[in-house]
Protein backbone atom coordinates (compact mmCIF):
# COMPACT_ATOMS: atom_id res chain seq x y z
CA UNK A 1 5.67 -36.71 59.43
CA UNK A 2 5.72 -35.54 55.84
CA UNK A 3 4.93 -38.16 53.23
CA UNK A 4 5.67 -38.40 49.51
CA UNK A 5 3.17 -40.16 47.24
CA UNK A 6 3.83 -41.49 43.77
CA UNK A 7 1.38 -40.85 40.96
CA UNK A 8 0.19 -44.42 41.33
CA UNK A 9 -0.65 -43.85 44.98
CA UNK A 10 -2.42 -40.67 44.05
CA UNK A 11 -4.69 -42.46 41.62
CA UNK A 12 -5.53 -45.09 44.22
CA UNK A 13 -6.57 -42.34 46.58
CA UNK A 14 -8.82 -40.55 44.14
CA UNK A 15 -11.80 -42.83 44.59
CA UNK A 16 -11.94 -42.28 48.34
CA UNK A 17 -10.72 -38.68 48.51
CA UNK A 18 -12.30 -37.05 45.49
CA UNK A 19 -15.05 -39.28 44.23
CA UNK A 20 -16.45 -39.98 47.66
CA UNK A 21 -17.08 -36.33 48.49
CA UNK A 22 -20.41 -35.74 50.15
CA UNK A 23 -23.28 -34.02 48.42
CA UNK A 24 -24.43 -30.55 49.41
CA UNK A 25 -27.01 -28.08 48.24
CA UNK A 26 -24.21 -25.99 46.85
CA UNK A 27 -22.19 -28.69 45.17
CA UNK A 28 -21.40 -29.36 41.54
CA UNK A 29 -24.33 -28.63 39.27
CA UNK A 30 -26.06 -31.56 37.62
CA UNK A 31 -28.63 -30.64 35.00
CA UNK A 32 -31.00 -32.92 33.19
CA UNK A 33 -30.29 -33.73 29.58
CA UNK A 34 -32.66 -31.04 28.41
CA UNK A 35 -31.03 -28.39 30.56
CA UNK A 36 -33.99 -28.08 32.95
CA UNK A 37 -34.48 -28.84 36.60
CA UNK A 38 -32.43 -27.94 39.65
CA UNK A 39 -28.70 -28.47 39.77
CA UNK A 40 -27.52 -30.93 42.39
CA UNK A 41 -24.24 -32.42 43.41
CA UNK A 42 -23.41 -34.99 40.79
CA UNK A 43 -22.07 -38.33 41.84
CA UNK A 44 -18.70 -39.50 40.60
CA UNK A 45 -17.94 -41.45 37.49
CA UNK A 46 -20.11 -42.84 34.76
CA UNK A 47 -22.83 -44.31 36.94
CA UNK A 48 -24.36 -41.02 38.10
CA UNK A 49 -27.40 -39.50 36.42
CA UNK A 50 -26.28 -36.84 33.95
CA UNK A 51 -22.69 -38.12 33.99
CA UNK A 52 -23.12 -41.44 32.23
CA UNK A 53 -21.41 -40.33 29.01
CA UNK A 54 -17.69 -39.58 29.10
CA UNK A 55 -16.96 -36.27 27.37
CA UNK A 56 -13.78 -34.79 25.90
CA UNK A 57 -13.50 -31.16 26.99
CA UNK A 58 -10.91 -28.65 25.80
CA UNK A 59 -10.16 -25.76 28.12
CA UNK A 60 -7.79 -22.83 27.57
CA UNK A 61 -6.34 -20.52 30.21
CA UNK A 62 -3.43 -18.18 30.76
CA UNK A 63 -0.25 -19.58 32.30
CA UNK A 64 2.46 -17.74 34.14
CA UNK A 65 5.84 -18.65 35.59
CA UNK A 66 6.43 -22.38 35.57
CA UNK A 67 3.75 -23.15 33.00
CA UNK A 68 0.86 -25.54 33.40
CA UNK A 69 0.35 -29.21 34.23
CA UNK A 70 0.67 -32.31 32.11
CA UNK A 71 -2.55 -34.23 31.38
CA UNK A 72 -1.65 -36.98 33.86
CA UNK A 73 -1.43 -34.54 36.77
CA UNK A 74 -3.32 -35.93 39.82
CA UNK A 75 -5.57 -32.87 40.04
CA UNK A 76 -6.70 -33.28 36.43
CA UNK A 77 -7.13 -37.01 36.93
CA UNK A 78 -9.32 -36.26 39.95
CA UNK A 79 -11.58 -33.96 37.93
CA UNK A 80 -11.73 -36.48 35.10
CA UNK A 81 -12.93 -39.13 37.54
CA UNK A 82 -15.39 -36.94 39.38
CA UNK A 83 -17.10 -35.52 36.30
CA UNK A 84 -16.51 -38.38 33.83
CA UNK A 85 -14.57 -36.19 31.40
CA UNK A 86 -11.30 -36.24 29.53
CA UNK A 87 -10.08 -32.75 30.33
CA UNK A 88 -7.45 -31.27 28.02
CA UNK A 89 -6.18 -27.91 29.30
CA UNK A 90 -4.15 -25.64 27.06
CA UNK A 91 -1.84 -23.54 29.24
CA UNK A 92 -0.97 -20.54 27.05
CA UNK A 93 1.76 -18.16 28.27
CA UNK A 94 0.05 -14.97 29.42
CA UNK A 95 2.29 -12.80 27.23
CA UNK A 96 0.98 -14.61 24.14
CA UNK A 97 -2.60 -15.10 25.21
CA UNK A 98 -4.22 -12.23 23.33
CA UNK A 99 -2.43 -13.26 20.15
CA UNK A 100 -3.59 -16.86 20.62
CA UNK A 101 -7.21 -15.73 21.03
CA UNK A 102 -7.09 -13.72 17.82
CA UNK A 103 -5.46 -16.54 15.86
CA UNK A 104 -8.30 -18.79 16.98
CA UNK A 105 -10.83 -16.16 15.99
CA UNK A 106 -9.34 -15.93 12.50
CA UNK A 107 -9.78 -19.68 12.02
CA UNK A 108 -13.02 -19.86 14.05
CA UNK A 109 -11.48 -22.67 16.06
CA UNK A 110 -12.11 -22.10 19.76
CA UNK A 111 -11.86 -24.55 22.66
CA UNK A 112 -14.93 -25.64 24.58
CA UNK A 113 -14.20 -23.34 27.53
CA UNK A 114 -11.72 -20.50 27.79
CA UNK A 115 -10.54 -17.38 29.55
CA UNK A 116 -11.32 -14.21 27.54
CA UNK A 117 -9.56 -10.87 27.89
CA UNK A 118 -12.12 -8.09 28.13
CA UNK A 119 -11.16 -6.33 24.87
CA UNK A 120 -11.74 -9.54 22.93
CA UNK A 121 -14.89 -10.22 24.91
CA UNK A 122 -16.28 -6.83 23.91
CA UNK A 123 -15.46 -7.51 20.26
CA UNK A 124 -17.05 -10.96 20.17
CA UNK A 125 -19.92 -10.91 22.64
CA UNK A 126 -22.53 -10.03 19.98
CA UNK A 127 -21.26 -12.46 17.35
CA UNK A 128 -22.87 -15.64 18.68
CA UNK A 129 -19.57 -17.15 19.78
CA UNK A 130 -20.36 -17.59 23.47
CA UNK A 131 -23.03 -19.61 25.26
CA UNK A 132 -25.72 -17.49 26.94
CA UNK A 133 -25.51 -18.77 30.52
CA UNK A 134 -28.34 -16.66 31.92
CA UNK A 135 -31.25 -19.05 31.10
CA UNK A 136 -29.63 -21.86 33.12
CA UNK A 137 -27.71 -19.84 35.72
CA UNK A 138 -30.10 -20.61 38.59
CA UNK A 139 -29.44 -24.33 38.10
CA UNK A 140 -25.90 -23.71 39.36
CA UNK A 141 -26.31 -22.15 42.81
CA UNK A 142 -22.69 -21.26 43.41
CA UNK A 143 -22.38 -19.46 40.08
CA UNK A 144 -25.72 -17.74 40.69
CA UNK A 145 -24.38 -16.49 44.04
CA UNK A 146 -21.62 -14.44 42.37
CA UNK A 147 -22.31 -10.75 43.12
CA UNK A 148 -24.76 -9.34 40.57
CA UNK A 149 -22.60 -6.33 39.74
CA UNK A 150 -19.78 -8.63 38.69
CA UNK A 151 -22.12 -10.94 36.76
CA UNK A 152 -23.66 -8.06 34.81
CA UNK A 153 -20.42 -6.20 34.05
CA UNK A 154 -19.90 -5.95 30.24
CA UNK A 155 -22.72 -8.41 29.54
CA UNK A 156 -25.55 -7.24 27.26
CA UNK A 157 -28.92 -6.67 28.87
CA UNK A 158 -30.78 -9.96 29.46
CA UNK A 159 -27.77 -11.98 28.31
CA UNK A 160 -24.76 -13.50 30.08
CA UNK A 161 -22.10 -14.58 27.64
CA UNK A 162 -19.27 -14.63 30.16
CA UNK A 163 -18.69 -15.25 33.85
CA UNK A 164 -16.44 -12.84 35.74
CA UNK A 165 -12.95 -14.00 36.64
CA UNK A 166 -12.35 -12.88 40.21
CA UNK A 167 -9.58 -10.55 41.23
CA UNK A 168 -9.19 -8.52 44.41
CA UNK A 169 -9.86 -5.07 43.00
CA UNK A 170 -8.31 -3.10 45.88
CA UNK A 171 -5.57 -5.61 46.58
CA UNK A 172 -2.34 -3.79 47.37
CA UNK A 173 -1.84 -1.97 50.65
CA UNK A 174 0.02 1.31 51.07
CA UNK A 175 2.82 0.50 53.51
CA UNK A 176 5.48 2.45 55.37
CA UNK A 177 8.74 1.88 57.21
CA UNK A 178 7.58 2.43 60.78
CA UNK A 179 11.13 2.04 62.09
CA UNK A 180 12.20 5.01 59.94
CA UNK A 181 9.35 7.05 61.39
CA UNK A 182 10.47 6.27 64.94
CA UNK A 183 14.11 6.94 64.20
CA UNK A 184 13.26 10.40 62.81
CA UNK A 185 10.69 11.09 65.56
CA UNK A 186 7.80 11.35 63.10
CA UNK A 187 4.12 10.46 63.42
CA UNK A 188 2.22 8.20 61.06
CA UNK A 189 0.94 10.44 58.21
CA UNK A 190 -2.83 10.84 58.00
CA UNK A 191 -3.08 13.50 55.29
CA UNK A 192 -1.10 14.54 52.22
CA UNK A 193 0.64 17.45 53.96
CA UNK A 194 1.89 15.09 56.67
CA UNK A 195 2.87 12.57 54.00
CA UNK A 196 5.04 15.21 52.34
CA UNK A 197 6.79 15.99 55.62
CA UNK A 198 7.48 12.29 56.21
CA UNK A 199 8.61 11.71 52.64
CA UNK A 200 10.98 14.67 52.78
CA UNK A 201 12.52 13.36 55.99
CA UNK A 202 12.91 9.92 54.43
CA UNK A 203 14.72 11.52 51.49
CA UNK A 204 16.97 13.96 53.37
CA UNK A 205 17.58 12.75 56.94
CA UNK A 206 19.38 9.44 56.36
CA UNK A 207 16.67 7.14 57.78
CA UNK A 208 18.73 4.01 57.10
CA UNK A 209 21.70 5.42 59.02
CA UNK A 210 24.37 4.61 56.44
CA UNK A 211 25.54 8.25 56.23
CA UNK A 212 24.78 8.34 52.49
CA UNK A 213 22.21 10.35 50.56
CA UNK A 214 20.66 7.27 48.94
CA UNK A 215 17.01 7.17 50.02
CA UNK A 216 13.90 8.64 48.39
CA UNK A 217 10.61 9.88 49.78
CA UNK A 218 8.09 9.34 46.96
CA UNK A 219 8.36 7.16 43.89
CA UNK A 220 6.02 6.08 41.11
CA UNK A 221 6.20 5.00 37.49
CA UNK A 222 4.36 5.79 34.27
CA UNK A 223 2.94 2.66 32.66
CA UNK A 224 4.09 2.69 29.03
CA UNK A 225 1.17 0.48 27.98
CA UNK A 226 -1.56 2.74 29.37
CA UNK A 227 0.24 6.11 29.69
CA UNK A 228 -0.93 6.56 33.25
CA UNK A 229 0.75 7.21 36.58
CA UNK A 230 0.98 4.12 38.78
CA UNK A 231 1.69 3.78 42.51
CA UNK A 232 0.74 7.37 43.29
CA UNK A 233 -2.97 6.59 43.30
CA UNK A 234 -3.37 7.65 46.94
CA UNK A 235 -2.02 11.12 46.13
CA UNK A 236 -4.03 11.52 42.93
CA UNK A 237 -7.26 10.43 44.63
CA UNK A 238 -6.54 12.69 47.59
CA UNK A 239 -6.50 15.69 45.28
CA UNK A 240 -9.80 14.63 43.73
CA UNK A 241 -8.55 13.11 40.50
CA UNK A 242 -10.64 10.25 39.16
CA UNK A 243 -9.46 6.78 38.31
CA UNK A 244 -9.49 7.69 34.59
CA UNK A 245 -13.25 8.45 34.47
CA UNK A 246 -15.88 9.92 36.81
CA UNK A 247 -19.62 10.51 36.69
CA UNK A 248 -20.93 14.06 36.63
CA UNK A 249 -24.63 14.85 36.26
CA UNK A 250 -25.32 11.42 34.82
CA UNK A 251 -22.52 11.68 32.25
CA UNK A 252 -19.12 10.02 32.29
CA UNK A 253 -16.16 12.38 31.96
CA UNK A 254 -12.43 11.63 31.65
CA UNK A 255 -9.87 12.78 34.18
CA UNK A 256 -8.13 14.78 31.45
CA UNK A 257 -10.89 17.36 31.96
CA UNK A 258 -10.13 17.79 35.70
CA UNK A 259 -7.68 20.64 35.19
CA UNK A 260 -7.97 22.12 38.69
CA UNK A 261 -7.39 18.73 40.34
CA UNK A 262 -4.45 18.11 38.01
CA UNK A 263 -2.96 21.46 38.97
CA UNK A 264 -3.09 20.57 42.67
CA UNK A 265 -1.54 17.15 42.11
CA UNK A 266 1.16 18.42 39.73
CA UNK A 267 2.09 21.34 42.02
CA UNK A 268 2.54 18.83 44.88
CA UNK A 269 4.71 16.58 42.73
CA UNK A 270 6.72 19.47 41.30
CA UNK A 271 7.49 20.66 44.83
CA UNK A 272 8.54 17.11 45.72
CA UNK A 273 10.78 16.98 42.66
CA UNK A 274 12.42 20.36 43.34
CA UNK A 275 13.01 19.61 47.04
CA UNK A 276 14.52 16.18 46.40
CA UNK A 277 11.54 14.27 47.80
CA UNK A 278 10.43 12.65 44.53
CA UNK A 279 12.47 9.91 42.90
CA UNK A 280 14.38 11.60 40.08
CA UNK A 281 13.97 8.44 38.00
CA UNK A 282 10.15 8.47 38.10
CA UNK A 283 9.88 9.15 34.35
CA UNK A 284 11.99 6.11 33.42
CA UNK A 285 10.91 3.73 36.21
CA UNK A 286 9.42 0.45 35.01
CA UNK A 287 6.80 -1.80 36.54
CA UNK A 288 8.00 -3.22 39.89
CA UNK A 289 10.62 -0.46 40.19
CA UNK A 290 8.94 1.09 43.23
CA UNK A 291 8.52 -2.27 44.96
CA UNK A 292 12.12 -3.22 44.23
CA UNK A 293 13.37 0.07 45.68
CA UNK A 294 11.27 -0.50 48.79
CA UNK A 295 12.54 -4.06 49.16
CA UNK A 296 16.05 -2.71 48.52
CA UNK A 297 15.87 -0.23 51.42
CA UNK A 298 15.86 2.83 49.12
CA UNK A 299 12.36 4.16 49.76
CA UNK A 300 10.13 3.93 52.80
CA UNK A 301 6.63 4.13 51.28
CA UNK A 302 5.22 1.69 48.75
CA UNK A 303 2.25 -0.46 47.82
CA UNK A 304 2.69 -4.10 48.86
CA UNK A 305 0.66 -7.13 47.86
CA UNK A 306 -0.76 -8.67 51.08
CA UNK A 307 -0.63 -12.10 49.48
CA UNK A 308 3.14 -11.68 49.11
CA UNK A 309 3.62 -9.75 52.34
CA UNK A 310 6.06 -12.20 53.91
CA UNK A 311 8.20 -12.35 50.78
CA UNK A 312 8.51 -8.55 50.62
CA UNK A 313 9.21 -8.19 54.33
CA UNK A 314 11.83 -10.94 54.17
CA UNK A 315 13.69 -9.00 51.47
CA UNK A 316 13.56 -5.79 53.52
CA UNK A 317 14.73 -7.43 56.75
CA UNK A 318 17.50 -9.29 54.96
CA UNK A 319 19.09 -5.86 54.41
CA UNK A 320 17.92 -4.35 57.69
CA UNK A 321 17.03 -6.90 60.40
CA UNK A 322 15.45 -4.12 62.48
CA UNK A 323 13.05 -3.00 59.76
CA UNK A 324 9.38 -2.69 60.68
CA UNK A 325 6.86 -2.38 57.84
CA UNK A 326 3.29 -1.33 58.62
CA UNK A 327 0.25 -1.04 56.30
CA UNK A 328 -1.47 2.34 56.52
CA UNK A 329 -4.69 3.93 55.33
CA UNK A 330 -4.33 6.27 52.36
CA UNK A 331 -3.67 9.82 53.63
CA UNK A 332 -6.58 12.22 53.13
CA UNK A 333 -6.40 15.09 50.67
CA UNK A 334 -7.25 18.76 51.40
CA UNK A 335 -11.01 18.08 51.33
CA UNK A 336 -10.82 14.68 53.05
CA UNK A 337 -10.85 12.57 49.88
CA UNK A 338 -9.00 9.27 49.85
CA UNK A 339 -8.39 6.49 47.35
CA UNK A 340 -6.13 3.52 46.76
CA UNK A 341 -4.72 1.38 43.97
CA UNK A 342 -7.77 -0.25 42.34
CA UNK A 343 -8.11 -2.49 39.30
CA UNK A 344 -11.42 -3.35 37.63
CA UNK A 345 -12.66 -6.94 37.36
CA UNK A 346 -13.25 -7.18 33.61
CA UNK A 347 -11.91 -10.41 32.10
CA UNK A 348 -14.35 -13.26 31.52
CA UNK A 349 -14.62 -17.00 31.45
CA UNK A 350 -16.70 -18.14 28.49
CA UNK A 351 -18.18 -21.37 27.14
CA UNK A 352 -18.23 -22.02 23.42
CA UNK A 353 -21.75 -21.42 22.12
CA UNK A 354 -21.38 -23.96 19.31
CA UNK A 355 -20.65 -27.10 21.33
CA UNK A 356 -23.47 -29.48 22.31
CA UNK A 357 -25.61 -28.98 25.40
CA UNK A 358 -24.07 -31.92 27.25
CA UNK A 359 -20.63 -30.37 27.12
CA UNK A 360 -21.92 -26.97 28.14
CA UNK A 361 -23.73 -28.46 31.14
CA UNK A 362 -20.69 -30.48 32.19
CA UNK A 363 -18.47 -27.39 32.07
CA UNK A 364 -20.97 -25.45 34.17
CA UNK A 365 -21.04 -28.31 36.67
CA UNK A 366 -17.26 -28.12 37.00
CA UNK A 367 -17.28 -24.35 37.40
CA UNK A 368 -20.05 -24.53 39.99
CA UNK A 369 -18.05 -27.16 41.86
CA UNK A 370 -15.00 -24.88 41.91
CA UNK A 371 -17.06 -22.31 43.84
CA UNK A 372 -18.58 -24.78 46.31
CA UNK A 373 -17.03 -25.29 49.77
CA UNK A 374 -15.81 -28.75 48.77
CA UNK A 375 -14.58 -27.69 45.36
CA UNK A 376 -12.89 -24.46 46.43
CA UNK A 377 -11.00 -26.44 49.08
CA UNK A 378 -9.92 -28.94 46.42
CA UNK A 379 -8.72 -26.41 43.83
CA UNK A 380 -6.74 -24.46 46.44
CA UNK A 381 -5.29 -27.14 48.71
CA UNK A 382 -5.28 -30.23 46.52
CA UNK A 383 -5.85 -33.80 47.67
CA UNK A 384 -5.78 -34.73 51.35
CA UNK A 385 -3.04 -37.26 52.05
CA UNK A 386 -1.21 -36.20 48.91
CA UNK A 387 -0.78 -32.45 49.16
CA UNK A 388 -1.64 -31.97 52.82
CA UNK A 389 -2.52 -33.87 55.98
CA UNK A 390 -5.07 -33.01 58.64
CA UNK A 391 -3.14 -32.97 61.93
CA UNK A 392 -6.01 -32.08 64.25
CA UNK A 393 -9.47 -30.54 64.07
CA UNK A 394 -8.09 -27.13 63.09
CA UNK A 395 -4.49 -27.83 62.06
CA UNK A 396 -3.13 -28.96 58.70
CA UNK A 397 0.29 -29.88 57.39
CA UNK A 398 1.47 -29.08 53.87
CA UNK A 399 3.27 -32.00 52.21
CA UNK A 400 6.20 -31.86 49.84
CA UNK A 401 4.06 -32.98 46.90
CA UNK A 402 2.16 -29.66 47.07
CA UNK A 403 5.23 -27.73 45.95
CA UNK A 404 6.16 -30.35 43.37
CA UNK A 405 2.65 -30.57 41.92
CA UNK A 406 1.80 -26.87 42.36
CA UNK A 407 -1.60 -28.04 43.51
CA UNK A 408 -3.18 -24.55 43.37
CA UNK A 409 -3.06 -23.83 39.63
CA UNK A 410 -6.80 -24.43 39.14
CA UNK A 411 -7.46 -21.84 41.84
CA UNK A 412 -4.90 -19.37 40.50
CA UNK A 413 -5.29 -19.62 36.74
CA UNK A 414 -8.45 -21.54 35.79
CA UNK A 415 -11.37 -20.31 37.93
CA UNK A 416 -11.74 -19.44 41.59
CA UNK A 417 -14.12 -18.24 44.31
CA UNK A 418 -15.05 -14.61 44.89
CA UNK A 419 -12.97 -14.24 48.02
CA UNK A 420 -9.88 -12.09 48.70
CA UNK A 421 -8.53 -15.07 50.65
CA UNK A 422 -7.90 -17.05 47.46
CA UNK A 423 -4.20 -17.30 48.33
CA UNK A 424 -4.61 -18.07 52.03
CA UNK A 425 -3.94 -21.73 52.81
CA UNK A 426 -5.29 -23.76 55.72
CA UNK A 427 -1.86 -24.97 56.76
CA UNK A 428 -0.70 -21.37 57.34
CA UNK A 429 -0.80 -19.31 60.53
CA UNK A 430 -4.34 -18.05 61.10
CA UNK A 431 -2.95 -14.84 62.65
CA UNK A 432 -1.36 -14.08 59.29
CA UNK A 433 -4.72 -14.60 57.59
CA UNK A 434 -6.42 -12.22 60.00
CA UNK A 435 -3.79 -9.56 59.28
CA UNK A 436 -4.16 -9.96 55.51
CA UNK A 437 -7.97 -9.88 55.64
CA UNK A 438 -7.69 -6.73 57.73
CA UNK A 439 -5.53 -5.15 55.03
CA UNK A 440 -8.04 -6.09 52.34
CA UNK A 441 -10.90 -4.69 54.45
CA UNK A 442 -9.04 -1.39 54.86
CA UNK A 443 -8.32 -1.19 51.15
CA UNK A 444 -11.95 -1.89 50.33
CA UNK A 445 -13.00 1.24 52.26
CA UNK A 446 -10.84 3.35 49.95
CA UNK A 447 -11.64 1.76 46.57
CA UNK A 448 -11.08 4.16 43.69
CA UNK A 449 -13.46 2.84 41.06
CA UNK A 450 -13.51 3.64 37.37
CA UNK A 451 -17.15 3.73 36.19
CA UNK A 452 -16.08 3.50 32.53
CA UNK A 453 -13.88 0.43 32.94
CA UNK A 454 -14.43 -1.91 30.00
CA UNK A 455 -16.73 0.41 28.04
CA UNK A 456 -16.21 0.59 24.30
CA UNK A 457 -14.96 3.45 22.13
CA UNK A 458 -13.65 3.00 18.59
CA UNK A 459 -11.86 6.34 18.74
CA UNK A 460 -10.17 5.39 22.01
CA UNK A 461 -9.03 2.11 20.45
CA UNK A 462 -7.60 3.90 17.41
CA UNK A 463 -6.10 7.08 18.80
CA UNK A 464 -6.56 7.06 22.57
CA UNK A 465 -3.05 5.79 23.31
CA UNK A 466 -1.43 8.63 21.35
CA UNK A 467 -3.68 11.23 22.98
CA UNK A 468 -2.93 9.86 26.46
CA UNK A 469 0.81 9.78 25.74
CA UNK A 470 0.85 13.46 24.77
CA UNK A 471 -1.17 14.40 27.84
CA UNK A 472 1.19 12.44 30.12
CA UNK A 473 4.23 14.01 28.45
CA UNK A 474 2.87 17.42 29.45
CA UNK A 475 2.22 16.24 33.01
CA UNK A 476 5.76 14.85 33.24
CA UNK A 477 7.30 18.11 32.05
CA UNK A 478 5.26 20.03 34.62
CA UNK A 479 6.48 17.79 37.44
CA UNK A 480 10.08 18.29 36.29
CA UNK A 481 9.62 22.07 36.07
CA UNK A 482 9.98 22.24 32.30
CA UNK A 483 6.45 23.63 31.93
CA UNK A 484 4.34 25.74 34.30
CA UNK A 485 1.49 24.06 36.19
CA UNK A 486 -1.08 25.97 34.11
CA UNK A 487 0.17 24.17 31.00
CA UNK A 488 -2.10 21.29 31.91
CA UNK A 489 -5.03 23.40 30.67
CA UNK A 490 -3.60 23.39 27.13
CA UNK A 491 -2.84 19.67 27.42
CA UNK A 492 -6.48 19.08 28.36
CA UNK A 493 -7.75 21.20 25.47
CA UNK A 494 -5.45 19.37 23.04
CA UNK A 495 -6.67 15.99 24.31
CA UNK A 496 -10.30 16.98 23.77
CA UNK A 497 -9.71 18.53 20.34
CA UNK A 498 -7.56 15.63 19.14
CA UNK A 499 -10.34 13.07 19.59
CA UNK A 500 -11.19 13.24 23.28
CA UNK A 501 -14.61 14.76 22.68
CA UNK A 502 -15.46 11.86 20.38
CA UNK A 503 -14.20 9.39 22.98
CA UNK A 504 -16.49 10.99 25.59
CA UNK A 505 -19.44 10.68 23.22
CA UNK A 506 -18.72 7.02 22.45
CA UNK A 507 -18.03 6.03 26.06
CA UNK A 508 -21.33 7.55 27.15
CA UNK A 509 -23.18 5.81 24.33
CA UNK A 510 -21.71 2.52 25.57
CA UNK A 511 -22.53 3.47 29.18
CA UNK A 512 -26.16 4.22 28.36
CA UNK A 513 -26.58 1.34 25.93
């Protein structure tokens, strides 16, 4: 039976549910007043060593649809009780977050703990703004267990001014309409030539059976913010193009210099455009356009977010109840190369370097708790008896209060474990979890990393966007047949001469520094 709890009931439960949590060797960190010793699971409330003084802590994070919680939210009240704090979270709309950070920088008025976008982190990491966590990191075993590559990324040597904010780098899975394949008597594509054949059939042989020429084989969009092609990563990687930068003989080089690889990719796309395989609207498509066309039964190949798999499939089957969508491995290019949609993990969580040690330690204790088994369960699933019930040893029931309270905002927006299962909930079907983890594992095999992600270049900051826009304009014209494929050589030369050579020099200085 589902139960609804009032806020008053919630607060009565906190002592037994949250404060009574058992200690473990990987629990919330508790440091001595001087910042030395080994971190242990702190007890709840003011009576525990290291938690006797109640502290006001300000915390700022990005917020998305629906906004954040009020200060009397049961999850915040639970943390306040457990760590003897008065937690005040500022939930700043993501669209305004960068502006908010820079306004705070202008007035030198930062919160105690906050999410930092990587561009701002790079600007401020040498200015003494952030706490250096490295000297005390080992006192917080769950934070210390974060993969070293992620911990070191963008941090100066022998310093750690920010903790990585986890994201699943190779998250989205290339997916295909298997029912269309069967209807047209086609095999699952394993290479780019086969993909072209399938895409052409999807575009020209009426796979949806409505006797209209209204489906497309390949679609992508050009991100106006970064001037790069999105959702054709598997094709670009297959032809050997880098994810913006690649390493050659110990030096980082931009993909604008890969003229032969660009020619192969652009010839493929031009052929697709001429033969009606490529979406004619690719040059004006916006973000989500490809997904929306897939969910709208207009294309049969797209990247899908495994965490939102059911939502996407529901939209497809609403229009076609017989639709079958299957994740696939990225098709191999002519030399066997593969790659998939991959984002770098760059943004940081930082602690104000100018607040007192007690506050810094308390914040680290909370963060360490979030990554512990007990804490990660709490920030994802909420409070037992309030947001979910345990039905049996391995079965759980989600309660109505979970949707009302949006119990997972700490996990989604504040800080979370390094686990692609961050949006898998224990009340869901375990078979679904196995499928999603399998998709993530497949994607991981085809990660398309950018070795220069997050590196600094003044020239790139000042003129890189204009250079990239001109280069992408040339690529677009080649795809549409307005320029010959060889024109990419001139576009590459213009990019280098217009400031690209300086960008290469500065990126490599940052890489080697």
